[in-house]
Structure formats: C-alpha cells, structure tokens
Amino acid sequence: MARRSRPNDDPETIRKALVDLLTNFAAELERSDLRSKVIVLIPAFHKLRDLGGSLIPKAEASSARDRIIEYFRRYPKIVIDGDELMVVAGIDAWSRRVRELRVQFGWSIYSGVTFRDIAEDANAVKNAEEAASLQNLLGIQPASIKPEQYVLMRSEQDRQAAHRWNVLNEARRKKASVSDKIIEYFRKNVGAEITGEELRYLAQDKKEWARRVRELRTEYGWPIVTKNSGRDDLAIGVYVLEEDRQTYEHDRRIPDPVRVAVLQRDHFRCVRCGWNRSMLSPDDPRKMLELHHLLHHKDKGENTVENLITICNVHHDEVHRRKSIK
C-alpha cells in the first residue's frame, strides 16, 4: 500500500531531515548492490514529498485536495504544470484529486486537453473571436497547453456541482450518441453554467464534444449560449442552456459572429419591450433573447445583421403567431 504524505512538521524540519538522509546516502554510493541503494533512497523520496506537502500550512489546507485548490486559488487564470500540483499535493494520486475538484466539487479547472478541443473547434469554424479570447486570457496559444497543465478559470466554487455529478454519470453510462448525452444533460440543468470539462467527461473524453455543442446550437436550435455567442457575463469555456426549447427552424444556422453583432447593435435588449437579462425573474415568462428574421427564409431572407433583430422569447412567439413584427 502506498504511503500517505505526512507534512505535519514545518518545512525547515523536514528539509533538515531530507538533507541528513541524502548526506548519509553518500556511503551507499560506494556499495555495489543496486537494490540496497534503492531501498535506502525510499525514505528520502517520502521526505521530499512531505516537504512539498508542508509548503501550504495545515491550518490553511489539511488534505492533498485542499492544498491543490489553495494553490490554484493563489494563481487563477495562470497555466499550472501538473508537476507543481504533484509537489504541493504530496501524493502520487494528485491527478485524481484534480478531477474530483473540477467535476465533483465544482471548481472550474480546465486541462490542456479541453483547451485544445475548444481551440480546434473555434479554428474549424473560423471563429477568430473565440480563439483570440482564449489566447488573450491565457497569454499563450491554447493549443500549446500540454495535457497535464491546468488553469483555474474562476475563483468561485459551483455549489450545485455535487448534484450534477450524479446526473452526469447517469447520462455518461447510457448507450447513446455524444449529442444525445450532451443535450440530455443540458436539459436536466437548464440555466446552470456547465463547464467544458463536464462535457468532455460526459463524452468520455472524445474530442468531438465541442463540435457537438456547436451543432446543437446552430443546427438544432437549442439556445446554448457562451461568452462568444452573446453572453458576455459567462466565463470562457462555460455553456448555458437558457431555455428547454428549440428555436424556430428558420432562425437556426445563424453564424455566431452575426448573432453577437445583432445583440450588440440592439444593446442586448428586446426591440419590442426593452427586456434584457438583468430583468430576469422567476415570475416573468421572458427568459432569453432570440433573433428574428425581418424577411423570412421562405421569402429569401438572409442571415445578415440588417435582416435580424433582437427579441425576447415571449414577443418572438407572438410575432410568429401574428406573422408580423409590427
């Protein structure tokens, strides 16, 4: 059984003990038996791990998992190497603790793999704005982040993550397509902020998850929004299904850059009633902003800024019932 880290002493006490062990090892180097050298080095390895685990005082973080998130919180939105986490955790199973923190405990810790998937999808659809946002945030090309490098995207914990964890695993075990699993998970968490890490885990680490989310929005009309599709209040890499309904078929396939330009022009308000997200209320049927074509597709209306307006879901339904914006 692997030995647990024991960073109970202060770092200087552990350092001195480690120095003594390494100093005494000089005599072992003169011996010919390899195994004896290895066995004598084991306590030094344990002490080195204890030293790393002692760098954050026990009063601030009593477990390996606590030490890892404390380290992340001191350096948010900075690329952290897995080796750094190994040192402060003081245990071999540090990567499992990272997964627990991001999926079970609701910390938005993104791995290099997830950043790569998001960046590749943005490049595939020539979404320069999303690619630039990632690079500006991190200071480096997202695709250059290694698999065992991580970034804490937000310093606040998502308290609903423990509940979603059970829902996530239930959906993950089903024999269904990646798209079906993703939309099922979204529909069980309407209005909740879902991270890319959750979706990648749900897709069983298949890199297609980002493309499937985009298709659900742009081809199937599910109102899944992101920072770069009109919800500037969201963190990069966070997704929200605003309402459990699909938009009108002829209002789908609007490119995200066009969608954002229309929302910005209309100041993120319904042109009929002036509603915006700051007015969101449980008792108000207005839940989200949609785009409406002035000249419908059947009349050869195009997905252009000039032919689209911002409208709340209530007035959008009313417009389609009356077949007129007036």
Protein backbone atom coordinates (compact mmCIF):
# COMPACT_ATOMS: atom_id res chain seq x y z
CA MET A 1 0.00 0.00 0.00
CA ALA A 2 1.37 3.42 -0.94
CA ARG A 3 2.49 5.61 1.96
CA ARG A 4 0.45 8.73 2.58
CA SER A 5 2.12 12.11 2.72
CA ARG A 6 2.82 13.29 6.29
CA PRO A 7 3.54 17.01 6.06
CA ASN A 8 2.91 17.61 9.77
CA ASP A 9 6.24 19.25 10.60
CA ASP A 10 7.29 22.69 9.48
CA PRO A 11 9.15 22.81 6.14
CA GLU A 12 12.55 23.55 7.74
CA THR A 13 12.38 20.47 10.00
CA ILE A 14 11.54 18.28 7.03
CA ARG A 15 14.27 19.89 4.92
CA LYS A 16 16.91 19.13 7.55
CA ALA A 17 15.78 15.52 7.78
CA LEU A 18 15.98 15.24 3.99
CA VAL A 19 19.48 16.72 3.93
CA ASP A 20 20.60 14.17 6.54
CA LEU A 21 19.18 11.31 4.50
CA LEU A 22 20.90 12.47 1.30
CA THR A 23 24.17 13.12 3.11
CA ASN A 24 24.17 9.62 4.55
CA PHE A 25 23.42 8.23 1.12
CA ALA A 26 26.95 9.13 0.05
CA ALA A 27 28.20 5.96 1.74
CA GLU A 28 25.65 3.87 -0.15
CA LEU A 29 27.05 5.03 -3.48
CA GLU A 30 30.25 3.14 -2.69
CA ARG A 31 28.39 -0.14 -2.48
CA SER A 32 27.77 -2.38 -5.46
CA ASP A 33 24.31 -3.71 -4.66
CA LEU A 34 21.70 -1.78 -6.62
CA ARG A 35 18.73 -2.87 -4.56
CA SER A 36 20.26 -1.69 -1.31
CA LYS A 37 20.75 1.77 -2.84
CA VAL A 38 17.12 1.89 -3.97
CA ILE A 39 15.80 0.81 -0.57
CA VAL A 40 17.89 3.38 1.28
CA LEU A 41 16.58 6.14 -1.01
CA ILE A 42 12.91 5.41 -0.26
CA PRO A 43 12.80 7.50 2.97
CA ALA A 44 14.34 10.41 1.07
CA PHE A 45 11.57 10.21 -1.55
CA HIS A 46 8.96 10.21 1.22
CA LYS A 47 10.59 13.19 2.94
CA LEU A 48 10.74 15.12 -0.31
CA ARG A 49 7.02 14.51 -0.81
CA ASP A 50 6.37 15.56 2.79
CA LEU A 51 8.33 18.75 2.17
CA GLY A 52 6.20 19.66 -0.82
CA GLY A 53 3.02 18.94 1.12
CA SER A 54 4.18 21.14 4.01
CA LEU A 55 4.63 24.32 1.93
CA ILE A 56 0.99 25.27 2.50
CA PRO A 57 0.29 25.30 6.26
CA LYS A 58 -2.06 22.63 7.58
CA ALA A 59 -4.27 25.33 9.09
CA GLU A 60 -4.98 26.58 5.56
CA ALA A 61 -5.27 23.20 3.81
CA SER A 62 -5.38 19.94 5.73
CA SER A 63 -5.60 17.46 2.83
CA ALA A 64 -3.97 16.97 -0.55
CA ARG A 65 -7.16 18.07 -2.29
CA ASP A 66 -7.33 21.20 -0.14
CA ARG A 67 -3.71 22.02 -0.89
CA ILE A 68 -4.26 21.68 -4.63
CA ILE A 69 -7.25 24.04 -4.74
CA GLU A 70 -5.50 26.50 -2.41
CA TYR A 71 -2.57 26.57 -4.84
CA PHE A 72 -4.91 27.12 -7.79
CA ARG A 73 -6.74 29.92 -5.99
CA ARG A 74 -3.48 31.76 -5.41
CA TYR A 75 -2.74 31.66 -9.15
CA PRO A 76 -6.08 31.91 -11.04
CA LYS A 77 -6.10 32.02 -14.85
CA ILE A 78 -2.43 31.02 -14.93
CA VAL A 79 -1.23 27.83 -16.59
CA ILE A 80 -0.13 25.43 -13.83
CA ASP A 81 2.03 22.38 -14.52
CA GLY A 82 0.92 19.03 -13.18
CA ASP A 83 4.37 18.69 -11.56
CA GLU A 84 3.60 21.75 -9.43
CA LEU A 85 0.40 20.10 -8.22
CA MET A 86 2.27 16.88 -7.51
CA VAL A 87 4.64 18.80 -5.24
CA VAL A 88 2.03 20.71 -3.22
CA ALA A 89 -0.30 17.68 -3.03
CA GLY A 90 2.42 15.48 -1.59
CA ILE A 91 0.75 12.35 -3.01
CA ASP A 92 1.01 10.23 -6.13
CA ALA A 93 -2.72 10.36 -6.93
CA TRP A 94 -2.77 14.15 -7.39
CA SER A 95 -4.40 13.96 -10.84
CA ARG A 96 -7.40 12.12 -9.41
CA ARG A 97 -7.80 14.87 -6.82
CA VAL A 98 -7.78 17.47 -9.61
CA ARG A 99 -10.57 15.59 -11.38
CA GLU A 100 -12.57 15.42 -8.15
CA LEU A 101 -12.15 19.15 -7.62
CA ARG A 102 -13.36 20.11 -11.07
CA VAL A 103 -16.16 17.58 -11.57
CA GLN A 104 -17.45 16.66 -8.11
CA PHE A 105 -16.68 19.86 -6.21
CA GLY A 106 -17.46 22.42 -8.90
CA TRP A 107 -14.13 24.16 -9.42
CA SER A 108 -13.62 25.39 -12.98
CA ILE A 109 -10.24 23.76 -13.54
CA TYR A 110 -9.55 23.26 -17.24
CA SER A 111 -6.95 20.87 -18.59
CA GLY A 112 -4.80 21.39 -21.65
CA VAL A 113 -6.85 18.74 -23.43
CA THR A 114 -10.08 20.71 -23.01
CA PHE A 115 -8.43 23.95 -24.15
CA ARG A 116 -7.15 22.16 -27.23
CA ASP A 117 -10.64 20.85 -28.07
CA ILE A 118 -12.19 24.32 -27.72
CA ALA A 119 -9.42 25.94 -29.78
CA GLU A 120 -9.65 23.33 -32.54
CA ASP A 121 -13.42 23.78 -32.79
CA ALA A 122 -13.04 27.59 -32.92
CA ASN A 123 -10.46 27.26 -35.69
CA ALA A 124 -12.61 24.75 -37.58
CA VAL A 125 -15.46 27.25 -37.89
CA LYS A 126 -13.10 30.20 -38.29
CA ASN A 127 -14.32 31.75 -35.04
CA ALA A 128 -11.40 34.12 -34.67
CA GLU A 129 -13.03 35.95 -31.75
CA GLU A 130 -13.24 32.83 -29.58
CA ALA A 131 -9.69 31.79 -30.44
CA ALA A 132 -8.42 35.29 -29.66
CA SER A 133 -10.32 35.40 -26.35
CA LEU A 134 -8.65 32.22 -25.20
CA GLN A 135 -5.22 33.45 -26.19
CA ASN A 136 -5.73 36.85 -24.53
CA LEU A 137 -6.90 35.22 -21.33
CA LEU A 138 -4.03 32.77 -21.06
CA GLY A 139 -1.26 34.77 -22.69
CA ILE A 140 -0.31 31.80 -24.88
CA GLN A 141 -1.81 29.78 -27.71
CA PRO A 142 -4.42 27.39 -26.19
CA ALA A 143 -3.26 24.57 -28.45
CA SER A 144 0.23 24.82 -26.93
CA ILE A 145 -1.00 23.94 -23.43
CA LYS A 146 0.06 20.40 -22.56
CA PRO A 147 -2.42 17.72 -21.40
CA GLU A 148 -1.09 17.80 -17.82
CA GLN A 149 -1.29 21.55 -17.50
CA TYR A 150 -4.27 23.20 -15.87
CA VAL A 151 -5.94 26.59 -15.38
CA LEU A 152 -8.40 27.67 -12.69
CA MET A 153 -10.84 29.72 -14.76
CA ARG A 154 -12.98 31.07 -11.90
CA SER A 155 -12.17 31.54 -8.23
CA GLU A 156 -15.73 30.76 -7.11
CA GLN A 157 -16.92 27.22 -6.44
CA ASP A 158 -20.11 25.95 -8.10
CA ARG A 159 -22.12 24.64 -5.16
CA GLN A 160 -24.51 22.67 -7.39
CA ALA A 161 -21.75 20.53 -8.85
CA ALA A 162 -22.24 17.64 -6.42
CA HIS A 163 -25.82 17.18 -7.61
CA ARG A 164 -24.80 17.46 -11.26
CA TRP A 165 -22.09 14.84 -10.71
CA ASN A 166 -24.74 12.15 -10.17
CA VAL A 167 -26.73 13.31 -13.19
CA LEU A 168 -23.54 13.45 -15.25
CA ASN A 169 -22.55 9.85 -14.50
CA GLU A 170 -26.05 8.61 -15.16
CA ALA A 171 -26.05 10.21 -18.60
CA ARG A 172 -22.47 9.10 -19.29
CA ARG A 173 -23.32 5.42 -18.82
CA LYS A 174 -26.16 5.45 -21.32
CA LYS A 175 -25.74 3.89 -24.75
CA ALA A 176 -26.43 6.99 -26.80
CA SER A 177 -24.65 9.36 -29.15
CA VAL A 178 -22.46 12.14 -27.79
CA SER A 179 -25.01 14.72 -28.97
CA ASP A 180 -27.88 12.93 -27.24
CA LYS A 181 -25.96 12.68 -23.98
CA ILE A 182 -24.98 16.35 -24.10
CA ILE A 183 -28.47 17.69 -24.77
CA GLU A 184 -29.97 15.39 -22.13
CA TYR A 185 -27.51 16.74 -19.59
CA PHE A 186 -28.23 20.34 -20.59
CA ARG A 187 -31.98 19.78 -20.36
CA LYS A 188 -31.61 18.46 -16.82
CA ASN A 189 -29.62 21.58 -15.93
CA VAL A 190 -31.48 24.40 -17.67
CA GLY A 191 -29.97 27.74 -16.73
CA ALA A 192 -26.96 26.19 -14.98
CA GLU A 193 -23.41 27.01 -16.01
CA ILE A 194 -21.89 23.85 -17.47
CA THR A 195 -18.15 23.65 -17.96
CA GLY A 196 -16.29 22.19 -20.90
CA GLU A 197 -14.65 19.75 -18.50
CA GLU A 198 -18.06 18.33 -17.60
CA LEU A 199 -18.99 17.95 -21.26
CA ARG A 200 -15.67 16.32 -22.16
CA TYR A 201 -16.12 13.85 -19.29
CA LEU A 202 -19.71 13.20 -20.42
CA ALA A 203 -18.44 12.48 -23.94
CA GLN A 204 -15.96 10.01 -22.42
CA ASP A 205 -13.07 12.24 -23.44
CA LYS A 206 -13.96 12.20 -27.14
CA LYS A 207 -12.68 15.43 -28.69
CA GLU A 208 -15.85 15.88 -30.76
CA TRP A 209 -17.79 17.23 -27.75
CA ALA A 210 -17.13 20.90 -28.62
CA ARG A 211 -18.34 20.42 -32.19
CA ARG A 212 -21.46 18.63 -31.00
CA VAL A 213 -22.34 21.52 -28.64
CA ARG A 214 -21.96 23.98 -31.51
CA GLU A 215 -24.16 21.83 -33.76
CA LEU A 216 -26.85 21.61 -31.10
CA ARG A 217 -26.96 25.42 -31.05
CA THR A 218 -26.51 26.32 -34.70
CA GLU A 219 -28.21 23.38 -36.43
CA TYR A 220 -30.79 22.09 -33.97
CA GLY A 221 -31.76 25.40 -32.41
CA TRP A 222 -31.06 24.68 -28.76
CA PRO A 223 -30.35 28.02 -27.02
CA ILE A 224 -26.93 27.04 -25.69
CA VAL A 225 -25.02 30.24 -25.10
CA THR A 226 -21.37 31.04 -24.40
CA LYS A 227 -19.29 34.13 -23.86
CA ASN A 228 -18.60 34.33 -27.58
CA SER A 229 -22.18 33.78 -28.71
CA GLY A 230 -23.73 36.70 -26.86
CA ARG A 231 -23.43 36.10 -23.11
CA ASP A 232 -20.51 38.29 -22.13
CA ASP A 233 -21.19 37.61 -18.43
CA LEU A 234 -20.08 33.99 -18.82
CA ALA A 235 -16.52 32.79 -18.38
CA ILE A 236 -14.71 31.37 -21.38
CA GLY A 237 -15.44 27.67 -21.74
CA VAL A 238 -18.78 27.83 -19.89
CA TYR A 239 -22.07 26.84 -21.55
CA VAL A 240 -25.68 27.54 -20.55
CA LEU A 241 -28.92 26.15 -21.96
CA GLU A 242 -31.13 29.18 -21.38
CA GLU A 243 -34.49 27.53 -22.01
CA ASP A 244 -35.69 23.96 -22.59
CA ARG A 245 -36.94 24.57 -26.10
CA GLN A 246 -35.60 24.73 -29.62
CA THR A 247 -35.74 27.94 -31.60
CA TYR A 248 -37.81 28.20 -34.77
CA GLU A 249 -36.24 26.15 -37.52
CA HIS A 250 -35.75 29.10 -39.88
CA ASP A 251 -33.92 31.01 -37.12
CA ARG A 252 -31.21 28.37 -36.81
CA ARG A 253 -27.82 28.32 -38.53
CA ILE A 254 -27.15 31.98 -37.75
CA PRO A 255 -23.35 32.34 -37.52
CA ASP A 256 -22.17 33.32 -34.04
CA PRO A 257 -20.36 36.48 -35.26
CA VAL A 258 -23.62 37.69 -36.86
CA ARG A 259 -25.58 36.77 -33.74
CA VAL A 260 -23.25 38.76 -31.49
CA ALA A 261 -23.24 41.77 -33.86
CA VAL A 262 -27.07 41.93 -33.79
CA LEU A 263 -27.19 41.64 -29.99
CA GLN A 264 -24.59 44.38 -29.62
CA ARG A 265 -26.39 46.68 -32.06
CA ASP A 266 -29.65 46.23 -30.14
CA HIS A 267 -27.85 46.69 -26.79
CA PHE A 268 -28.79 43.16 -25.69
CA ARG A 269 -32.44 44.21 -25.35
CA CYS A 270 -35.71 43.13 -26.92
CA VAL A 271 -36.63 45.73 -29.54
CA ARG A 272 -40.32 45.29 -28.66
CA CYS A 273 -40.32 45.66 -24.86
CA GLY A 274 -36.75 46.55 -23.86
CA TRP A 275 -36.29 43.37 -21.78
CA ASN A 276 -32.73 42.25 -21.01
CA ARG A 277 -31.19 39.60 -18.79
CA SER A 278 -30.83 41.95 -15.83
CA MET A 279 -34.65 41.87 -15.63
CA LEU A 280 -34.80 38.06 -15.39
CA SER A 281 -37.42 36.98 -12.85
CA PRO A 282 -38.98 33.60 -11.92
CA ASP A 283 -42.45 35.11 -12.37
CA ASP A 284 -41.68 36.62 -15.78
CA PRO A 285 -42.15 34.37 -18.84
CA ARG A 286 -39.41 36.30 -20.63
CA LYS A 287 -36.34 34.13 -20.19
CA MET A 288 -33.98 34.79 -23.07
CA LEU A 289 -33.20 36.85 -26.14
CA GLU A 290 -33.63 35.37 -29.61
CA LEU A 291 -33.00 36.64 -33.13
CA HIS A 292 -35.84 37.17 -35.56
CA HIS A 293 -35.68 37.50 -39.35
CA LEU A 294 -37.45 40.59 -40.70
CA LEU A 295 -37.66 38.92 -44.10
CA HIS A 296 -38.26 35.21 -43.52
CA HIS A 297 -36.17 32.48 -45.11
CA LYS A 298 -39.12 31.34 -47.21
CA ASP A 299 -39.11 34.83 -48.70
CA LYS A 300 -35.35 34.60 -49.32
CA GLY A 301 -34.44 36.43 -46.13
CA GLU A 302 -30.77 36.03 -45.24
CA ASN A 303 -28.78 35.58 -42.02
CA THR A 304 -27.42 39.12 -42.10
CA VAL A 305 -27.18 41.81 -39.45
CA GLU A 306 -29.53 44.02 -41.46
CA ASN A 307 -32.22 41.31 -41.66
CA LEU A 308 -32.14 40.31 -37.98
CA ILE A 309 -33.40 41.92 -34.80
CA THR A 310 -33.16 41.02 -31.11
CA ILE A 311 -36.41 39.97 -29.48
CA CYS A 312 -37.37 38.21 -26.22
CA ASN A 313 -38.86 34.71 -26.36
CA VAL A 314 -42.35 35.95 -25.43
CA HIS A 315 -42.55 38.52 -28.21
CA HIS A 316 -40.85 36.13 -30.62
CA ASP A 317 -43.68 33.65 -30.10
CA GLU A 318 -46.21 36.46 -30.51
CA VAL A 319 -44.58 37.63 -33.74
CA HIS A 320 -44.76 34.16 -35.24
CA ARG A 321 -48.38 33.77 -34.23
CA ARG A 322 -49.21 37.08 -35.94
CA LYS A 323 -46.71 36.57 -38.76
CA SER A 324 -45.57 40.15 -38.39
CA ILE A 325 -43.12 42.24 -36.37
CA LYS A 326 -45.41 45.28 -36.40
